[in-house]
Amino acid sequence: MSSRPSSADPLTSEVVGLIGAVVARYHQEYDEAAARHDLTGAQARLLALLRQRPLPMREIARRLKCEPSNVTGIVDRLESRGLVERRPDPADRRVKLAAVTEEGRDTAERLSASLDFAREPLAELTPVERELLRDLLKRVLDAGRVDLPGPARRTTT
């Protein structure tokens, strides 16, 4: 007999609902923080992604779960503000990479530092509780193979 909970399991349903509420609050705060930096949520997510490393447009679209043409518009707007630049991929000069500029990196770091959601509630947990929560969330994410930094959702300009 399996110990795996069924989809009708009330506890599983409650946990899924709570995760949904956390995600909704995170997205709301992320978009509000982005607006304080004169960015859309999509622009902020793209900057956060590019803080890690330059990426081809198609890879950005895949990670942000949107169409490549949408990414082009977002990059155009960020490029016009000096936050992102396009450069040739050294491995294949036919491919253009989007890369964060120093100003874009600074903006992304300020935005990240301004995200207060859950900091106070998490501070009330003991270090052991926070580690347990982290490890459980990693297990859940690893099971779904999630590899996105920042909030993942369909992206609009």
N, C-alpha and C. Protein backbone atom coordinates (compact mmCIF):
# COMPACT_ATOMS: atom_id res chain seq x y z
N MET A 1 0.85 -1.18 0.00
CA MET A 1 0.00 0.00 0.00
C MET A 1 0.89 1.24 0.00
N SER A 2 0.57 2.19 -0.83
CA SER A 2 1.36 3.40 -0.98
C SER A 2 1.05 4.41 0.12
N SER A 3 2.09 5.12 0.59
CA SER A 3 1.87 6.18 1.57
C SER A 3 1.73 7.53 0.90
N ARG A 4 1.69 7.51 -0.40
CA ARG A 4 1.55 8.74 -1.18
C ARG A 4 0.14 9.31 -1.02
N PRO A 5 0.02 10.62 -0.70
CA PRO A 5 -1.32 11.19 -0.50
C PRO A 5 -2.08 11.28 -1.82
N SER A 6 -3.38 11.07 -1.74
CA SER A 6 -4.21 11.22 -2.93
C SER A 6 -4.49 12.70 -3.15
N SER A 7 -4.93 13.05 -4.35
CA SER A 7 -5.23 14.44 -4.65
C SER A 7 -6.40 14.96 -3.81
N ALA A 8 -7.20 14.06 -3.27
CA ALA A 8 -8.35 14.45 -2.47
C ALA A 8 -7.99 14.57 -0.98
N ASP A 9 -6.75 14.26 -0.63
CA ASP A 9 -6.29 14.32 0.75
C ASP A 9 -6.43 15.76 1.25
N PRO A 10 -7.20 15.99 2.34
CA PRO A 10 -7.42 17.36 2.82
C PRO A 10 -6.13 18.09 3.21
N LEU A 11 -5.19 17.40 3.81
CA LEU A 11 -3.95 18.04 4.20
C LEU A 11 -3.17 18.49 2.97
N THR A 12 -3.10 17.64 1.95
CA THR A 12 -2.41 18.01 0.72
C THR A 12 -3.10 19.21 0.07
N SER A 13 -4.42 19.20 0.05
CA SER A 13 -5.16 20.33 -0.52
C SER A 13 -4.86 21.61 0.25
N GLU A 14 -4.79 21.52 1.57
CA GLU A 14 -4.49 22.71 2.37
C GLU A 14 -3.08 23.22 2.09
N VAL A 15 -2.12 22.31 2.00
CA VAL A 15 -0.73 22.70 1.71
C VAL A 15 -0.66 23.36 0.33
N VAL A 16 -1.31 22.78 -0.66
CA VAL A 16 -1.32 23.36 -2.00
C VAL A 16 -1.93 24.76 -1.97
N GLY A 17 -3.01 24.92 -1.24
CA GLY A 17 -3.63 26.25 -1.11
C GLY A 17 -2.70 27.25 -0.45
N LEU A 18 -2.00 26.83 0.59
CA LEU A 18 -1.06 27.72 1.27
C LEU A 18 0.11 28.10 0.37
N ILE A 19 0.61 27.13 -0.39
CA ILE A 19 1.69 27.44 -1.35
C ILE A 19 1.18 28.45 -2.38
N GLY A 20 -0.03 28.26 -2.85
CA GLY A 20 -0.63 29.21 -3.80
C GLY A 20 -0.73 30.61 -3.21
N ALA A 21 -1.12 30.70 -1.94
CA ALA A 21 -1.23 32.00 -1.28
C ALA A 21 0.15 32.66 -1.13
N VAL A 22 1.16 31.87 -0.80
CA VAL A 22 2.52 32.40 -0.69
C VAL A 22 2.99 32.92 -2.05
N VAL A 23 2.76 32.14 -3.10
CA VAL A 23 3.17 32.54 -4.44
C VAL A 23 2.46 33.83 -4.86
N ALA A 24 1.16 33.92 -4.59
CA ALA A 24 0.40 35.12 -4.96
C ALA A 24 0.94 36.35 -4.24
N ARG A 25 1.22 36.22 -2.94
CA ARG A 25 1.78 37.35 -2.18
C ARG A 25 3.16 37.72 -2.69
N TYR A 26 3.96 36.73 -3.02
CA TYR A 26 5.30 37.00 -3.54
C TYR A 26 5.22 37.75 -4.87
N HIS A 27 4.37 37.31 -5.76
CA HIS A 27 4.21 37.99 -7.06
C HIS A 27 3.73 39.42 -6.86
N GLN A 28 2.79 39.62 -5.96
CA GLN A 28 2.28 40.96 -5.70
C GLN A 28 3.41 41.87 -5.21
N GLU A 29 4.18 41.40 -4.23
CA GLU A 29 5.27 42.22 -3.71
C GLU A 29 6.35 42.43 -4.77
N TYR A 30 6.64 41.39 -5.54
CA TYR A 30 7.67 41.50 -6.58
C TYR A 30 7.27 42.58 -7.59
N ASP A 31 6.02 42.57 -8.03
CA ASP A 31 5.55 43.57 -8.99
C ASP A 31 5.55 44.97 -8.38
N GLU A 32 5.18 45.08 -7.09
CA GLU A 32 5.21 46.39 -6.42
C GLU A 32 6.65 46.90 -6.30
N ALA A 33 7.58 46.02 -5.94
CA ALA A 33 8.99 46.42 -5.84
C ALA A 33 9.52 46.82 -7.22
N ALA A 34 9.14 46.09 -8.26
CA ALA A 34 9.56 46.43 -9.62
C ALA A 34 9.07 47.82 -9.99
N ALA A 35 7.82 48.11 -9.67
CA ALA A 35 7.24 49.42 -9.99
C ALA A 35 7.99 50.55 -9.29
N ARG A 36 8.46 50.30 -8.07
CA ARG A 36 9.23 51.33 -7.36
C ARG A 36 10.56 51.62 -8.06
N HIS A 37 11.00 50.70 -8.91
CA HIS A 37 12.22 50.88 -9.69
C HIS A 37 11.90 51.20 -11.15
N ASP A 38 10.66 51.63 -11.39
CA ASP A 38 10.18 51.96 -12.74
C ASP A 38 10.35 50.80 -13.72
N LEU A 39 10.06 49.60 -13.24
CA LEU A 39 10.13 48.40 -14.06
C LEU A 39 8.79 47.68 -14.01
N THR A 40 8.48 46.96 -15.06
CA THR A 40 7.36 46.03 -14.99
C THR A 40 7.86 44.76 -14.29
N GLY A 41 6.95 43.94 -13.86
CA GLY A 41 7.35 42.66 -13.26
C GLY A 41 8.18 41.83 -14.22
N ALA A 42 7.80 41.82 -15.49
CA ALA A 42 8.54 41.05 -16.49
C ALA A 42 9.97 41.58 -16.66
N GLN A 43 10.12 42.89 -16.67
CA GLN A 43 11.45 43.47 -16.80
C GLN A 43 12.32 43.11 -15.59
N ALA A 44 11.72 43.16 -14.41
CA ALA A 44 12.45 42.82 -13.19
C ALA A 44 12.88 41.36 -13.19
N ARG A 45 11.98 40.46 -13.63
CA ARG A 45 12.32 39.04 -13.68
C ARG A 45 13.45 38.79 -14.68
N LEU A 46 13.43 39.50 -15.80
CA LEU A 46 14.49 39.33 -16.79
C LEU A 46 15.83 39.81 -16.22
N LEU A 47 15.84 40.95 -15.54
CA LEU A 47 17.07 41.43 -14.92
C LEU A 47 17.60 40.43 -13.89
N ALA A 48 16.70 39.88 -13.07
CA ALA A 48 17.11 38.90 -12.07
C ALA A 48 17.74 37.68 -12.73
N LEU A 49 17.16 37.26 -13.83
CA LEU A 49 17.67 36.11 -14.57
C LEU A 49 19.06 36.40 -15.14
N LEU A 50 19.23 37.58 -15.70
CA LEU A 50 20.50 37.94 -16.33
C LEU A 50 21.60 38.26 -15.33
N ARG A 51 21.25 38.47 -14.07
CA ARG A 51 22.28 38.67 -13.04
C ARG A 51 23.17 37.44 -12.95
N GLN A 52 22.63 36.28 -13.25
CA GLN A 52 23.40 35.03 -13.16
C GLN A 52 24.43 34.94 -14.28
N ARG A 53 23.97 35.21 -15.51
CA ARG A 53 24.87 35.14 -16.68
C ARG A 53 24.10 35.59 -17.92
N PRO A 54 24.83 36.05 -18.95
CA PRO A 54 24.15 36.39 -20.21
C PRO A 54 23.49 35.14 -20.80
N LEU A 55 22.35 35.37 -21.45
CA LEU A 55 21.60 34.25 -22.02
C LEU A 55 21.08 34.60 -23.40
N PRO A 56 20.95 33.58 -24.28
CA PRO A 56 20.29 33.81 -25.57
C PRO A 56 18.80 34.07 -25.35
N MET A 57 18.22 34.81 -26.27
CA MET A 57 16.82 35.19 -26.15
C MET A 57 15.90 33.96 -26.02
N ARG A 58 16.16 32.93 -26.77
CA ARG A 58 15.30 31.74 -26.70
C ARG A 58 15.35 31.10 -25.32
N GLU A 59 16.53 31.10 -24.70
CA GLU A 59 16.66 30.53 -23.35
C GLU A 59 15.92 31.39 -22.34
N ILE A 60 15.99 32.70 -22.51
CA ILE A 60 15.24 33.60 -21.63
C ILE A 60 13.75 33.31 -21.76
N ALA A 61 13.27 33.17 -22.98
CA ALA A 61 11.85 32.89 -23.22
C ALA A 61 11.45 31.57 -22.56
N ARG A 62 12.30 30.56 -22.68
CA ARG A 62 12.00 29.26 -22.08
C ARG A 62 11.90 29.39 -20.55
N ARG A 63 12.86 30.09 -19.97
CA ARG A 63 12.87 30.20 -18.50
C ARG A 63 11.75 31.09 -17.97
N LEU A 64 11.39 32.11 -18.73
CA LEU A 64 10.31 33.00 -18.29
C LEU A 64 8.94 32.52 -18.76
N LYS A 65 8.95 31.44 -19.54
CA LYS A 65 7.70 30.85 -20.05
C LYS A 65 6.90 31.85 -20.87
N CYS A 66 7.57 32.44 -21.86
CA CYS A 66 6.89 33.36 -22.76
C CYS A 66 7.47 33.21 -24.17
N GLU A 67 6.88 33.90 -25.11
CA GLU A 67 7.31 33.83 -26.50
C GLU A 67 8.60 34.64 -26.70
N PRO A 68 9.50 34.16 -27.58
CA PRO A 68 10.72 34.91 -27.86
C PRO A 68 10.46 36.34 -28.32
N SER A 69 9.38 36.57 -29.07
CA SER A 69 9.08 37.93 -29.53
C SER A 69 8.76 38.84 -28.34
N ASN A 70 8.16 38.28 -27.30
CA ASN A 70 7.88 39.04 -26.10
C ASN A 70 9.19 39.42 -25.39
N VAL A 71 10.13 38.50 -25.36
CA VAL A 71 11.44 38.76 -24.75
C VAL A 71 12.15 39.88 -25.50
N THR A 72 12.03 39.89 -26.82
CA THR A 72 12.67 40.94 -27.62
C THR A 72 12.17 42.32 -27.19
N GLY A 73 10.86 42.45 -26.99
CA GLY A 73 10.30 43.73 -26.54
C GLY A 73 10.78 44.13 -25.16
N ILE A 74 10.86 43.16 -24.26
CA ILE A 74 11.33 43.45 -22.90
C ILE A 74 12.80 43.89 -22.94
N VAL A 75 13.61 43.16 -23.70
CA VAL A 75 15.03 43.51 -23.81
C VAL A 75 15.19 44.87 -24.47
N ASP A 76 14.39 45.16 -25.50
CA ASP A 76 14.45 46.48 -26.15
C ASP A 76 14.25 47.60 -25.13
N ARG A 77 13.22 47.46 -24.28
CA ARG A 77 12.93 48.51 -23.30
C ARG A 77 14.03 48.63 -22.26
N LEU A 78 14.56 47.49 -21.80
CA LEU A 78 15.65 47.54 -20.82
C LEU A 78 16.93 48.08 -21.45
N GLU A 79 17.15 47.74 -22.70
CA GLU A 79 18.34 48.24 -23.41
C GLU A 79 18.26 49.76 -23.58
N SER A 80 17.07 50.28 -23.88
CA SER A 80 16.91 51.72 -24.06
C SER A 80 17.18 52.49 -22.76
N ARG A 81 17.05 51.81 -21.63
CA ARG A 81 17.34 52.42 -20.32
C ARG A 81 18.76 52.16 -19.85
N GLY A 82 19.54 51.42 -20.64
CA GLY A 82 20.92 51.13 -20.27
C GLY A 82 21.07 50.04 -19.23
N LEU A 83 20.04 49.21 -19.05
CA LEU A 83 20.08 48.16 -18.04
C LEU A 83 20.52 46.81 -18.60
N VAL A 84 20.36 46.64 -19.92
CA VAL A 84 20.69 45.39 -20.60
C VAL A 84 21.37 45.75 -21.92
N GLU A 85 22.24 44.86 -22.38
CA GLU A 85 22.84 45.04 -23.71
C GLU A 85 22.82 43.71 -24.44
N ARG A 86 22.84 43.81 -25.75
CA ARG A 86 22.95 42.61 -26.58
C ARG A 86 24.40 42.47 -27.00
N ARG A 87 24.87 41.22 -27.03
CA ARG A 87 26.23 40.97 -27.49
C ARG A 87 26.27 39.62 -28.20
N PRO A 88 27.22 39.47 -29.10
CA PRO A 88 27.30 38.18 -29.80
C PRO A 88 27.75 37.07 -28.83
N ASP A 89 27.23 35.88 -29.07
CA ASP A 89 27.64 34.71 -28.29
C ASP A 89 29.02 34.29 -28.79
N PRO A 90 30.03 34.23 -27.91
CA PRO A 90 31.37 33.84 -28.37
C PRO A 90 31.42 32.45 -28.98
N ALA A 91 30.50 31.58 -28.57
CA ALA A 91 30.46 30.21 -29.11
C ALA A 91 29.78 30.14 -30.48
N ASP A 92 28.90 31.10 -30.79
CA ASP A 92 28.18 31.11 -32.06
C ASP A 92 27.78 32.55 -32.34
N ARG A 93 28.54 33.23 -33.15
CA ARG A 93 28.35 34.66 -33.37
C ARG A 93 27.02 35.00 -34.03
N ARG A 94 26.30 33.99 -34.54
CA ARG A 94 24.97 34.23 -35.11
C ARG A 94 23.94 34.45 -34.01
N VAL A 95 24.25 34.00 -32.80
CA VAL A 95 23.33 34.09 -31.67
C VAL A 95 23.65 35.34 -30.86
N LYS A 96 22.61 36.07 -30.50
CA LYS A 96 22.76 37.25 -29.63
C LYS A 96 22.43 36.86 -28.19
N LEU A 97 23.27 37.32 -27.29
CA LEU A 97 23.04 37.14 -25.87
C LEU A 97 22.52 38.44 -25.28
N ALA A 98 21.62 38.35 -24.35
CA ALA A 98 21.22 39.51 -23.55
C ALA A 98 22.07 39.45 -22.29
N ALA A 99 22.66 40.58 -21.94
CA ALA A 99 23.53 40.65 -20.76
C ALA A 99 23.17 41.88 -19.95
N VAL A 100 23.19 41.74 -18.65
CA VAL A 100 22.90 42.86 -17.77
C VAL A 100 24.12 43.80 -17.76
N THR A 101 23.86 45.09 -17.77
CA THR A 101 24.94 46.08 -17.65
C THR A 101 25.22 46.29 -16.16
N GLU A 102 26.24 47.05 -15.86
CA GLU A 102 26.53 47.35 -14.45
C GLU A 102 25.35 48.07 -13.80
N GLU A 103 24.77 49.03 -14.52
CA GLU A 103 23.60 49.73 -13.99
C GLU A 103 22.43 48.77 -13.80
N GLY A 104 22.26 47.84 -14.73
CA GLY A 104 21.20 46.84 -14.60
C GLY A 104 21.43 45.92 -13.41
N ARG A 105 22.68 45.54 -13.19
CA ARG A 105 23.01 44.69 -12.04
C ARG A 105 22.71 45.43 -10.73
N ASP A 106 23.10 46.71 -10.67
CA ASP A 106 22.81 47.52 -9.48
C ASP A 106 21.31 47.62 -9.23
N THR A 107 20.55 47.85 -10.30
CA THR A 107 19.10 47.95 -10.18
C THR A 107 18.51 46.63 -9.69
N ALA A 108 18.97 45.52 -10.27
CA ALA A 108 18.47 44.20 -9.86
C ALA A 108 18.81 43.92 -8.40
N GLU A 109 19.99 44.32 -7.97
CA GLU A 109 20.37 44.09 -6.57
C GLU A 109 19.55 44.95 -5.62
N ARG A 110 19.30 46.20 -5.99
CA ARG A 110 18.46 47.07 -5.15
C ARG A 110 17.03 46.51 -5.08
N LEU A 111 16.53 46.05 -6.21
CA LEU A 111 15.19 45.48 -6.23
C LEU A 111 15.13 44.25 -5.33
N SER A 112 16.10 43.37 -5.45
CA SER A 112 16.13 42.16 -4.63
C SER A 112 16.19 42.50 -3.14
N ALA A 113 16.99 43.50 -2.80
CA ALA A 113 17.12 43.90 -1.40
C ALA A 113 15.83 44.51 -0.86
N SER A 114 14.99 45.04 -1.74
CA SER A 114 13.75 45.69 -1.29
C SER A 114 12.60 44.71 -1.11
N LEU A 115 12.80 43.45 -1.43
CA LEU A 115 11.74 42.45 -1.28
C LEU A 115 11.67 42.01 0.17
N ASP A 116 10.69 42.50 0.88
CA ASP A 116 10.57 42.21 2.30
C ASP A 116 9.67 41.03 2.60
N PHE A 117 8.91 40.58 1.61
CA PHE A 117 7.93 39.53 1.84
C PHE A 117 8.59 38.33 2.53
N ALA A 118 8.01 37.91 3.59
CA ALA A 118 8.39 36.72 4.35
C ALA A 118 9.65 36.89 5.20
N ARG A 119 10.37 38.00 5.06
CA ARG A 119 11.57 38.15 5.90
C ARG A 119 11.22 38.17 7.38
N GLU A 120 10.23 38.97 7.76
CA GLU A 120 9.86 39.04 9.17
C GLU A 120 9.26 37.72 9.66
N PRO A 121 8.29 37.14 8.94
CA PRO A 121 7.77 35.85 9.41
C PRO A 121 8.86 34.78 9.48
N LEU A 122 9.76 34.76 8.51
CA LEU A 122 10.83 33.76 8.54
C LEU A 122 11.80 34.01 9.69
N ALA A 123 12.00 35.27 10.04
CA ALA A 123 12.90 35.60 11.15
C ALA A 123 12.35 35.06 12.47
N GLU A 124 11.04 34.86 12.54
CA GLU A 124 10.44 34.32 13.76
C GLU A 124 10.66 32.82 13.90
N LEU A 125 11.06 32.17 12.80
CA LEU A 125 11.37 30.74 12.88
C LEU A 125 12.80 30.57 13.38
N THR A 126 13.05 29.46 14.03
CA THR A 126 14.42 29.17 14.48
C THR A 126 15.26 28.82 13.25
N PRO A 127 16.58 28.90 13.37
CA PRO A 127 17.42 28.48 12.25
C PRO A 127 17.12 27.04 11.82
N VAL A 128 16.86 26.16 12.76
CA VAL A 128 16.55 24.77 12.42
C VAL A 128 15.24 24.70 11.63
N GLU A 129 14.24 25.47 12.04
CA GLU A 129 12.96 25.48 11.31
C GLU A 129 13.15 26.03 9.90
N ARG A 130 13.94 27.09 9.76
CA ARG A 130 14.19 27.65 8.42
C ARG A 130 14.93 26.65 7.54
N GLU A 131 15.90 25.94 8.10
CA GLU A 131 16.61 24.92 7.33
C GLU A 131 15.67 23.81 6.90
N LEU A 132 14.78 23.38 7.81
CA LEU A 132 13.82 22.33 7.47
C LEU A 132 12.89 22.81 6.36
N LEU A 133 12.38 24.03 6.49
CA LEU A 133 11.51 24.59 5.45
C LEU A 133 12.25 24.65 4.12
N ARG A 134 13.48 25.16 4.14
CA ARG A 134 14.29 25.22 2.92
C ARG A 134 14.44 23.84 2.29
N ASP A 135 14.81 22.86 3.09
CA ASP A 135 15.04 21.51 2.57
C ASP A 135 13.76 20.89 2.00
N LEU A 136 12.63 21.13 2.67
CA LEU A 136 11.36 20.61 2.16
C LEU A 136 10.99 21.28 0.85
N LEU A 137 11.17 22.61 0.78
CA LEU A 137 10.86 23.32 -0.47
C LEU A 137 11.77 22.84 -1.61
N LYS A 138 13.03 22.61 -1.31
CA LYS A 138 13.95 22.08 -2.34
C LYS A 138 13.47 20.72 -2.84
N ARG A 139 13.00 19.87 -1.94
CA ARG A 139 12.48 18.56 -2.35
C ARG A 139 11.29 18.71 -3.28
N VAL A 140 10.38 19.62 -2.91
CA VAL A 140 9.20 19.84 -3.74
C VAL A 140 9.63 20.37 -5.11
N LEU A 141 10.54 21.34 -5.13
CA LEU A 141 10.98 21.92 -6.39
C LEU A 141 11.78 20.93 -7.22
N ASP A 142 12.62 20.14 -6.59
CA ASP A 142 13.40 19.13 -7.32
C ASP A 142 12.49 18.11 -7.99
N ALA A 143 11.40 17.77 -7.32
CA ALA A 143 10.45 16.81 -7.89
C ALA A 143 9.81 17.38 -9.16
N GLY A 144 9.65 18.71 -9.21
CA GLY A 144 9.06 19.35 -10.39
C GLY A 144 10.09 19.91 -11.34
N ARG A 145 11.36 19.75 -11.04
CA ARG A 145 12.47 20.23 -11.88
C ARG A 145 12.36 21.72 -12.19
N VAL A 146 12.09 22.53 -11.18
CA VAL A 146 11.99 23.98 -11.36
C VAL A 146 13.39 24.57 -11.33
N ASP A 147 13.73 25.42 -12.32
CA ASP A 147 15.06 26.02 -12.37
C ASP A 147 15.01 27.53 -12.58
N LEU A 148 13.95 28.17 -12.13
CA LEU A 148 13.80 29.59 -12.36
C LEU A 148 14.17 30.41 -11.13
N PRO A 149 14.96 31.45 -11.31
CA PRO A 149 15.16 32.39 -10.22
C PRO A 149 14.01 33.37 -10.19
N GLY A 150 13.66 33.86 -9.04
CA GLY A 150 12.57 34.81 -8.99
C GLY A 150 11.26 34.14 -9.31
N PRO A 151 10.21 34.88 -9.34
CA PRO A 151 8.90 34.31 -9.58
C PRO A 151 8.74 33.83 -11.02
N ALA A 152 8.19 32.67 -11.18
CA ALA A 152 7.97 32.11 -12.51
C ALA A 152 6.51 32.22 -12.86
N ARG A 153 6.23 32.83 -13.96
CA ARG A 153 4.86 32.90 -14.47
C ARG A 153 4.92 33.38 -15.90
N ARG A 154 3.82 33.31 -16.58
CA ARG A 154 3.77 33.83 -17.93
C ARG A 154 4.13 35.29 -17.89
N THR A 155 4.94 35.71 -18.81
CA THR A 155 5.49 37.06 -18.77
C THR A 155 4.88 37.92 -19.85
N THR A 156 4.50 39.14 -19.42
CA THR A 156 4.04 40.14 -20.38
C THR A 156 4.92 41.36 -20.22
N THR A 157 4.94 42.18 -21.25
CA THR A 157 5.80 43.35 -21.22
C THR A 157 5.18 44.37 -20.33
